[in-house]
Amino acid sequence: MSEEATPAEAPKGQIEFPCEKCGGIMKFAPTSQGVTCVYCGHEMKVPQSDEDVEELDLAEFMAHAQEQEDMLEEALVTCSACGAETTFDPEVRSGECPFCGTPIVAEAHTNRVIRPKSLLPFAVAKQDGLALFKAWVRSRWFAPSKLKHAADDASRSKLNGIYVPHWTYDANTISHYTGERGDDYWETQHYTTTENGKTVHKTRQVRKTRWHRVSGTVYQMFDDILVLASESLPTAYAEKLEPWDLENLVPFEEKYLAGFRTERYQISLERGFERACSVMDDAIRQSIEHDIGGDHQRIHSVRTRRQNLTFKHILLPIWISAYRYQGKPYRFMINARTGEVQGERPWSVWKILGAVLGVVAVGVGIWYMAH
């Protein structure tokens, strides 16, 4: 490196690792699954761990959370518009929220949070993410004609790599239930009706249900129930980014974060468990209905005992951008493992109206030709 040259600076709020060759900034490269210096190009592999991804005992952790070694302090900044808390340099006084594009003017603050235990590294590179987004925009029916240009301009400059927090929960459940089983049977019913002015006698088959009381027990094992721990993303779109290849989770290593930002969880461990229990309860009811059998089922009571409760705090990678069209913000996000694209988009009223009028015109033409 020449004396006049200076190392490149890392984008605001991203984890920094100095290059061992020139002192520049290293970034994680999805294509090589290593870190690369943005200044001199020096590459270094991320150390691979032979350790299993650790599950933590939920009850034990919640009882002694403040005493845990699995806590850390992070410098974070909060967006006043969407509430997202993301990593930020303490010295930075301004920036832009990666979730909604709102300007942020604030000092970073520190919070004590649960340390992530594992993550899925970025596998989709930024340029590939841009190509996926452009294809997604082109495939939107009834989108305004100028949307492509507006989205292209925004995505080139504002596509952010974010690690989004999630919880996973495991449990073994034992559920005792009471209810009723309904079995259908058919009865022959006699009736009279009028045909051609005459009264006639007929028969018909009528379906009825015979109910009887039942009770029983179902056992289920739940592994890695995934709960989004962010309130910054539209839940409907975030859930459509699934499935995630959680079988490929790797133990947490900060070098995977190089060049990206991370969001702090907004859904607490306790609230996340409540949501996981709701998912479990839905699955348990389906198992009970299957256990009852018959043609119909009624569930009167369910008592569930949950055992062997464990959890993980994990980070999942997405590319995200907020773009504006006619003054209104829209967001899109990309699963940085599979390339699945989800997002908000505007609609062209004129295109929709034209399509409706076209359908009406075709219908009128067919009617005219038939008459």
Protein backbone atom coordinates (compact mmCIF):
# COMPACT_ATOMS: atom_id res chain seq x y z
CA MET A 1 0.00 0.00 0.00
CA SER A 2 1.39 3.41 -0.94
CA GLU A 3 1.90 6.12 1.66
CA GLU A 4 -0.84 8.23 0.08
CA ALA A 5 -3.41 5.43 0.20
CA THR A 6 -5.85 5.15 3.08
CA PRO A 7 -7.94 2.13 4.13
CA ALA A 8 -11.57 2.12 3.05
CA GLU A 9 -14.18 2.98 5.64
CA ALA A 10 -16.97 0.59 6.62
CA PRO A 11 -20.56 1.70 6.13
CA LYS A 12 -22.19 3.12 9.23
CA GLY A 13 -23.38 0.71 11.84
CA GLN A 14 -21.68 -2.39 10.45
CA ILE A 15 -19.32 -4.77 12.24
CA GLU A 16 -15.72 -3.91 11.34
CA PHE A 17 -12.72 -6.27 11.05
CA PRO A 18 -9.33 -4.85 10.00
CA CYS A 19 -7.47 -6.48 7.12
CA GLU A 20 -4.31 -8.22 8.33
CA LYS A 21 -2.51 -7.06 5.17
CA CYS A 22 -3.40 -3.37 4.80
CA GLY A 23 -5.59 -2.45 7.76
CA GLY A 24 -8.61 -1.88 5.52
CA ILE A 25 -12.14 -3.12 6.19
CA MET A 26 -13.12 -6.77 5.70
CA LYS A 27 -16.60 -7.73 4.50
CA PHE A 28 -18.28 -11.12 4.43
CA ALA A 29 -18.62 -12.38 0.84
CA PRO A 30 -21.60 -14.73 0.24
CA THR A 31 -19.98 -16.18 -2.88
CA SER A 32 -16.84 -17.39 -1.08
CA GLN A 33 -18.30 -17.72 2.43
CA GLY A 34 -15.26 -15.80 3.68
CA VAL A 35 -14.29 -12.21 4.45
CA THR A 36 -12.67 -10.01 1.79
CA CYS A 37 -10.86 -6.69 2.17
CA VAL A 38 -12.74 -3.98 0.29
CA TYR A 39 -9.43 -2.14 -0.25
CA CYS A 40 -6.74 -4.66 -1.24
CA GLY A 41 -8.86 -7.73 -1.97
CA HIS A 42 -7.18 -9.97 0.62
CA GLU A 43 -9.41 -12.96 1.47
CA MET A 44 -9.72 -14.90 4.70
CA LYS A 45 -11.94 -17.86 5.53
CA VAL A 46 -14.37 -17.64 8.44
CA PRO A 47 -13.25 -20.11 11.14
CA GLN A 48 -15.50 -23.16 11.07
CA SER A 49 -16.67 -24.59 14.39
CA ASP A 50 -17.19 -28.28 15.08
CA GLU A 51 -19.50 -27.45 17.97
CA ASP A 52 -23.20 -28.23 17.76
CA VAL A 53 -25.64 -25.32 17.71
CA GLU A 54 -26.50 -24.93 21.38
CA GLU A 55 -30.03 -25.04 22.75
CA LEU A 56 -30.65 -23.23 26.06
CA ASP A 57 -33.02 -24.36 28.79
CA LEU A 58 -35.93 -21.93 28.63
CA ALA A 59 -37.10 -22.06 32.25
CA GLU A 60 -33.57 -21.86 33.66
CA PHE A 61 -32.65 -18.93 31.44
CA MET A 62 -35.80 -16.94 32.23
CA ALA A 63 -35.28 -17.49 35.95
CA HIS A 64 -31.69 -16.22 35.91
CA ALA A 65 -31.57 -14.03 32.79
CA GLN A 66 -29.59 -11.16 34.28
CA GLU A 67 -26.94 -13.54 35.63
CA GLN A 68 -26.36 -15.30 32.33
CA GLU A 69 -23.08 -15.20 30.46
CA ASP A 70 -25.16 -15.36 27.28
CA MET A 71 -25.95 -11.63 27.56
CA LEU A 72 -24.06 -8.82 25.81
CA GLU A 73 -24.22 -5.05 25.45
CA GLU A 74 -24.78 -3.62 21.98
CA ALA A 75 -24.65 -0.07 20.64
CA LEU A 76 -28.01 0.52 18.96
CA VAL A 77 -29.99 3.32 17.35
CA THR A 78 -33.80 3.46 17.27
CA CYS A 79 -35.88 4.57 14.27
CA SER A 80 -38.65 6.93 15.36
CA ALA A 81 -40.87 5.87 12.44
CA CYS A 82 -40.87 2.05 12.55
CA GLY A 83 -39.22 1.41 15.93
CA ALA A 84 -36.42 -0.77 14.55
CA GLU A 85 -33.28 -0.97 16.69
CA THR A 86 -30.18 -1.70 14.63
CA THR A 87 -26.45 -1.70 15.26
CA PHE A 88 -24.88 1.71 14.81
CA ASP A 89 -21.60 3.43 15.60
CA PRO A 90 -21.90 5.38 18.90
CA GLU A 91 -20.26 8.41 17.25
CA VAL A 92 -22.71 8.54 14.33
CA ARG A 93 -25.30 11.31 14.63
CA SER A 94 -27.27 10.71 11.43
CA GLY A 95 -28.12 7.98 8.97
CA GLU A 96 -31.05 6.17 7.42
CA CYS A 97 -33.21 3.35 8.74
CA PRO A 98 -32.65 0.25 6.58
CA PHE A 99 -36.22 -0.94 7.22
CA CYS A 100 -38.25 2.09 6.18
CA GLY A 101 -35.75 4.60 4.75
CA THR A 102 -36.55 7.25 7.40
CA PRO A 103 -33.64 9.60 8.22
CA ILE A 104 -32.26 8.97 11.70
CA VAL A 105 -30.72 11.76 13.74
CA ALA A 106 -29.88 10.34 17.13
CA GLU A 107 -27.07 9.13 19.34
CA ALA A 108 -26.59 5.43 19.77
CA HIS A 109 -27.53 3.87 23.11
CA THR A 110 -26.47 0.58 24.67
CA ASN A 111 -28.81 -2.24 25.59
CA ARG A 112 -28.17 -5.54 27.34
CA VAL A 113 -29.48 -8.27 25.07
CA ILE A 114 -29.36 -12.05 24.71
CA ARG A 115 -26.37 -13.13 22.67
CA PRO A 116 -27.24 -14.90 19.38
CA LYS A 117 -26.24 -18.57 19.45
CA SER A 118 -26.32 -19.29 15.73
CA LEU A 119 -27.08 -17.85 12.31
CA LEU A 120 -27.48 -18.58 8.63
CA PRO A 121 -24.75 -16.74 6.66
CA PHE A 122 -25.63 -14.70 3.57
CA ALA A 123 -25.65 -16.95 0.50
CA VAL A 124 -27.17 -14.53 -2.06
CA ALA A 125 -24.76 -11.78 -3.13
CA LYS A 126 -25.95 -8.18 -3.43
CA GLN A 127 -25.82 -8.08 -7.25
CA ASP A 128 -27.85 -11.29 -7.41
CA GLY A 129 -30.37 -9.79 -5.00
CA LEU A 130 -30.76 -6.77 -7.29
CA ALA A 131 -31.37 -9.05 -10.28
CA LEU A 132 -33.99 -11.01 -8.34
CA PHE A 133 -35.76 -7.79 -7.35
CA LYS A 134 -35.81 -6.49 -10.93
CA ALA A 135 -37.35 -9.78 -12.10
CA TRP A 136 -39.91 -9.54 -9.29
CA VAL A 137 -40.90 -6.01 -10.34
CA ARG A 138 -41.29 -7.08 -13.99
CA SER A 139 -43.60 -9.91 -12.93
CA ARG A 140 -46.04 -7.66 -11.01
CA TRP A 141 -49.35 -7.43 -12.84
CA PHE A 142 -51.04 -4.03 -12.92
CA ALA A 143 -47.90 -2.22 -11.67
CA PRO A 144 -47.40 1.38 -12.88
CA SER A 145 -45.17 1.62 -15.95
CA LYS A 146 -42.71 3.94 -14.18
CA LEU A 147 -42.31 1.62 -11.18
CA LYS A 148 -39.39 -0.24 -12.73
CA HIS A 149 -37.27 2.91 -13.03
CA ALA A 150 -38.16 4.18 -9.55
CA ALA A 151 -37.36 0.84 -7.94
CA ASP A 152 -34.12 0.39 -9.90
CA ASP A 153 -32.82 3.78 -8.78
CA ALA A 154 -33.61 3.09 -5.15
CA SER A 155 -32.37 -0.49 -5.02
CA ARG A 156 -28.97 0.34 -6.47
CA SER A 157 -28.16 2.72 -3.64
CA LYS A 158 -30.21 1.43 -0.73
CA LEU A 159 -30.16 -2.37 -0.78
CA ASN A 160 -29.13 -3.21 2.78
CA GLY A 161 -27.95 -6.52 4.15
CA ILE A 162 -29.60 -7.12 7.53
CA TYR A 163 -29.48 -9.98 10.00
CA VAL A 164 -33.00 -10.22 11.41
CA PRO A 165 -33.52 -11.75 14.88
CA HIS A 166 -35.66 -14.83 15.41
CA TRP A 167 -36.37 -17.25 18.24
CA THR A 168 -36.72 -20.97 17.88
CA TYR A 169 -38.42 -23.14 20.51
CA ASP A 170 -38.42 -26.87 21.17
CA ALA A 171 -40.85 -28.76 23.39
CA ASN A 172 -42.32 -32.16 24.16
CA THR A 173 -46.04 -31.95 24.91
CA ILE A 174 -48.55 -34.25 26.59
CA SER A 175 -52.19 -33.22 26.02
CA HIS A 176 -55.22 -34.77 27.72
CA TYR A 177 -58.54 -34.02 26.04
CA THR A 178 -62.25 -34.60 26.25
CA GLY A 179 -64.70 -34.23 23.40
CA GLU A 180 -67.16 -35.96 21.13
CA ARG A 181 -66.87 -38.11 18.02
CA GLY A 182 -69.51 -37.84 15.32
CA ASP A 183 -70.20 -40.75 12.97
CA ASP A 184 -72.50 -40.23 10.02
CA TYR A 185 -75.27 -42.63 9.07
CA TRP A 186 -78.13 -42.53 6.57
CA GLU A 187 -81.89 -42.78 7.16
CA THR A 188 -84.61 -43.37 4.63
CA GLN A 189 -87.16 -40.56 4.84
CA HIS A 190 -90.68 -40.80 3.36
CA TYR A 191 -92.32 -37.64 2.04
CA THR A 192 -95.04 -36.43 -0.30
CA THR A 193 -94.82 -33.90 -3.10
CA THR A 194 -96.91 -32.67 -6.02
CA GLU A 195 -95.99 -33.58 -9.58
CA ASN A 196 -98.19 -32.65 -12.55
CA GLY A 197 -101.00 -31.69 -10.20
CA LYS A 198 -100.95 -35.04 -8.40
CA THR A 199 -99.74 -35.96 -4.91
CA VAL A 200 -97.00 -38.58 -5.03
CA HIS A 201 -95.14 -40.45 -2.30
CA LYS A 202 -91.35 -40.61 -2.45
CA THR A 203 -88.35 -41.57 -0.35
CA ARG A 204 -84.94 -39.96 0.07
CA GLN A 205 -81.74 -40.65 1.98
CA VAL A 206 -80.98 -38.18 4.78
CA ARG A 207 -77.57 -37.99 6.43
CA LYS A 208 -77.53 -37.78 10.23
CA THR A 209 -74.75 -37.82 12.81
CA ARG A 210 -74.52 -39.99 15.92
CA TRP A 211 -72.38 -38.40 18.67
CA HIS A 212 -70.68 -40.08 21.60
CA ARG A 213 -68.25 -38.82 24.25
CA VAL A 214 -64.53 -39.52 23.97
CA SER A 215 -61.32 -38.72 25.88
CA GLY A 216 -57.68 -39.44 25.29
CA THR A 217 -54.06 -38.28 25.29
CA VAL A 218 -51.81 -37.15 22.44
CA TYR A 219 -48.03 -36.74 22.53
CA GLN A 220 -46.08 -34.42 20.27
CA MET A 221 -42.50 -33.25 19.80
CA PHE A 222 -41.86 -29.76 18.45
CA ASP A 223 -38.47 -28.84 17.00
CA ASP A 224 -37.39 -25.35 15.96
CA ILE A 225 -40.72 -23.54 15.99
CA LEU A 226 -39.64 -20.30 14.31
CA VAL A 227 -40.85 -16.96 15.69
CA LEU A 228 -39.95 -13.62 14.09
CA ALA A 229 -38.52 -11.41 16.85
CA SER A 230 -38.82 -8.19 14.82
CA GLU A 231 -41.75 -5.79 14.65
CA SER A 232 -40.07 -3.70 11.94
CA LEU A 233 -40.99 -6.02 9.08
CA PRO A 234 -44.54 -6.61 7.81
CA THR A 235 -45.28 -10.03 9.33
CA ALA A 236 -47.28 -11.22 6.32
CA TYR A 237 -44.36 -10.60 3.96
CA ALA A 238 -41.68 -11.82 6.39
CA GLU A 239 -43.45 -15.15 6.89
CA LYS A 240 -43.66 -15.61 3.13
CA LEU A 241 -39.86 -15.56 3.01
CA GLU A 242 -39.99 -19.00 4.63
CA PRO A 243 -38.92 -21.75 4.56
CA TRP A 244 -35.42 -21.24 5.98
CA ASP A 245 -32.85 -24.03 5.89
CA LEU A 246 -32.44 -24.13 9.67
CA GLU A 247 -30.64 -27.47 9.40
CA ASN A 248 -27.67 -25.43 8.09
CA LEU A 249 -27.41 -23.09 11.08
CA VAL A 250 -23.82 -22.44 12.14
CA PRO A 251 -22.54 -21.40 15.58
CA PHE A 252 -22.43 -17.61 15.96
CA GLU A 253 -19.23 -16.00 14.68
CA GLU A 254 -18.91 -12.20 14.38
CA LYS A 255 -17.00 -12.39 11.10
CA TYR A 256 -20.24 -13.47 9.38
CA LEU A 257 -21.60 -10.02 10.31
CA ALA A 258 -18.79 -8.12 8.57
CA GLY A 259 -20.31 -5.63 6.13
CA PHE A 260 -23.86 -6.15 7.38
CA ARG A 261 -26.08 -4.69 10.08
CA THR A 262 -28.03 -6.56 12.73
CA GLU A 263 -31.40 -5.76 14.23
CA ARG A 264 -32.08 -6.13 17.93
CA TYR A 265 -35.06 -8.30 18.82
CA GLN A 266 -38.24 -6.37 19.74
CA ILE A 267 -40.27 -9.46 20.62
CA SER A 268 -38.97 -10.62 23.99
CA LEU A 269 -38.10 -14.23 24.78
CA GLU A 270 -41.31 -14.52 26.83
CA ARG A 271 -43.56 -13.02 24.15
CA GLY A 272 -41.92 -15.19 21.53
CA PHE A 273 -42.69 -18.27 23.62
CA GLU A 274 -46.35 -17.22 23.82
CA ARG A 275 -46.48 -17.10 20.02
CA ALA A 276 -44.74 -20.47 19.80
CA CYS A 277 -47.33 -21.93 22.21
CA SER A 278 -50.09 -20.69 19.89
CA VAL A 279 -48.44 -22.56 17.00
CA MET A 280 -48.15 -25.67 19.18
CA ASP A 281 -51.79 -25.43 20.27
CA ASP A 282 -53.01 -25.32 16.67
CA ALA A 283 -50.97 -28.42 15.84
CA ILE A 284 -52.16 -30.17 19.02
CA ARG A 285 -55.83 -29.55 18.12
CA GLN A 286 -55.22 -31.10 14.69
CA SER A 287 -53.65 -34.14 16.37
CA ILE A 288 -56.59 -34.44 18.75
CA GLU A 289 -59.09 -34.30 15.89
CA HIS A 290 -57.11 -37.04 14.12
CA ASP A 291 -57.04 -39.09 17.35
CA ILE A 292 -60.80 -38.73 17.84
CA GLY A 293 -61.43 -39.89 14.29
CA GLY A 294 -64.93 -40.30 12.87
CA ASP A 295 -66.59 -37.93 10.45
CA HIS A 296 -66.81 -34.97 12.82
CA GLN A 297 -65.04 -33.92 16.01
CA ARG A 298 -65.88 -31.66 18.93
CA ILE A 299 -63.16 -30.74 21.42
CA HIS A 300 -64.47 -29.72 24.85
CA SER A 301 -61.26 -29.39 26.87
CA VAL A 302 -57.50 -29.69 26.44
CA ARG A 303 -54.90 -29.77 29.21
CA THR A 304 -51.35 -29.58 27.87
CA ARG A 305 -48.12 -30.11 29.78
CA ARG A 306 -44.98 -28.82 28.04
CA GLN A 307 -41.64 -30.44 28.89
CA ASN A 308 -37.98 -30.18 27.85
CA LEU A 309 -38.40 -26.54 26.80
CA THR A 310 -35.38 -25.11 25.02
CA PHE A 311 -34.75 -22.10 22.80
CA LYS A 312 -32.22 -20.43 20.53
CA HIS A 313 -31.67 -16.81 19.55
CA ILE A 314 -30.73 -16.91 15.86
CA LEU A 315 -30.06 -14.40 13.09
CA LEU A 316 -31.43 -14.87 9.56
CA PRO A 317 -30.14 -12.87 6.55
CA ILE A 318 -32.25 -10.68 4.28
CA TRP A 319 -31.62 -7.99 1.71
CA ILE A 320 -34.03 -5.11 2.24
CA SER A 321 -34.74 -1.75 0.64
CA ALA A 322 -37.30 1.00 0.93
CA TYR A 323 -38.10 2.88 -2.27
CA ARG A 324 -40.53 5.70 -3.00
CA TYR A 325 -43.08 5.93 -5.76
CA GLN A 326 -45.05 9.16 -6.11
CA GLY A 327 -44.00 10.18 -2.60
CA LYS A 328 -45.14 6.99 -0.86
CA PRO A 329 -42.61 4.51 0.64
CA TYR A 330 -42.67 0.83 -0.31
CA ARG A 331 -40.50 -1.96 1.07
CA PHE A 332 -39.24 -5.18 -0.41
CA MET A 333 -37.10 -7.93 1.10
CA ILE A 334 -35.18 -10.93 -0.19
CA ASN A 335 -34.41 -14.18 1.61
CA ALA A 336 -30.61 -14.10 1.33
CA ARG A 337 -30.47 -17.91 1.43
CA THR A 338 -33.07 -18.91 -1.17
CA GLY A 339 -33.65 -15.72 -3.18
CA GLU A 340 -37.38 -15.57 -2.36
CA VAL A 341 -38.64 -11.99 -2.91
CA GLN A 342 -41.56 -10.41 -1.06
CA GLY A 343 -42.65 -6.81 -0.79
CA GLU A 344 -45.08 -3.97 -1.06
CA ARG A 345 -45.97 -2.51 -4.42
CA PRO A 346 -48.21 0.19 -5.91
CA TRP A 347 -51.07 -0.59 -8.27
CA SER A 348 -51.97 1.17 -11.50
CA VAL A 349 -55.65 2.15 -11.36
CA TRP A 350 -55.64 2.78 -15.11
CA LYS A 351 -54.25 -0.68 -15.91
CA ILE A 352 -56.80 -2.35 -13.64
CA LEU A 353 -59.63 -0.28 -15.16
CA GLY A 354 -58.39 -1.13 -18.66
CA ALA A 355 -58.36 -4.85 -17.83
CA VAL A 356 -61.89 -4.70 -16.41
CA LEU A 357 -63.20 -2.83 -19.43
CA GLY A 358 -61.47 -5.35 -21.69
CA VAL A 359 -63.20 -8.28 -19.96
CA VAL A 360 -66.55 -6.47 -20.17
CA ALA A 361 -66.02 -5.76 -23.89
CA VAL A 362 -65.25 -9.44 -24.56
CA GLY A 363 -68.38 -10.48 -22.64
CA VAL A 364 -70.55 -8.02 -24.55
CA GLY A 365 -69.08 -9.23 -27.86
CA ILE A 366 -69.85 -12.88 -27.04
CA TRP A 367 -73.38 -11.98 -25.99
CA TYR A 368 -73.91 -9.96 -29.19
CA MET A 369 -72.70 -12.81 -31.42
CA ALA A 370 -74.91 -15.30 -29.57
CA HIS A 371 -77.99 -13.16 -30.19
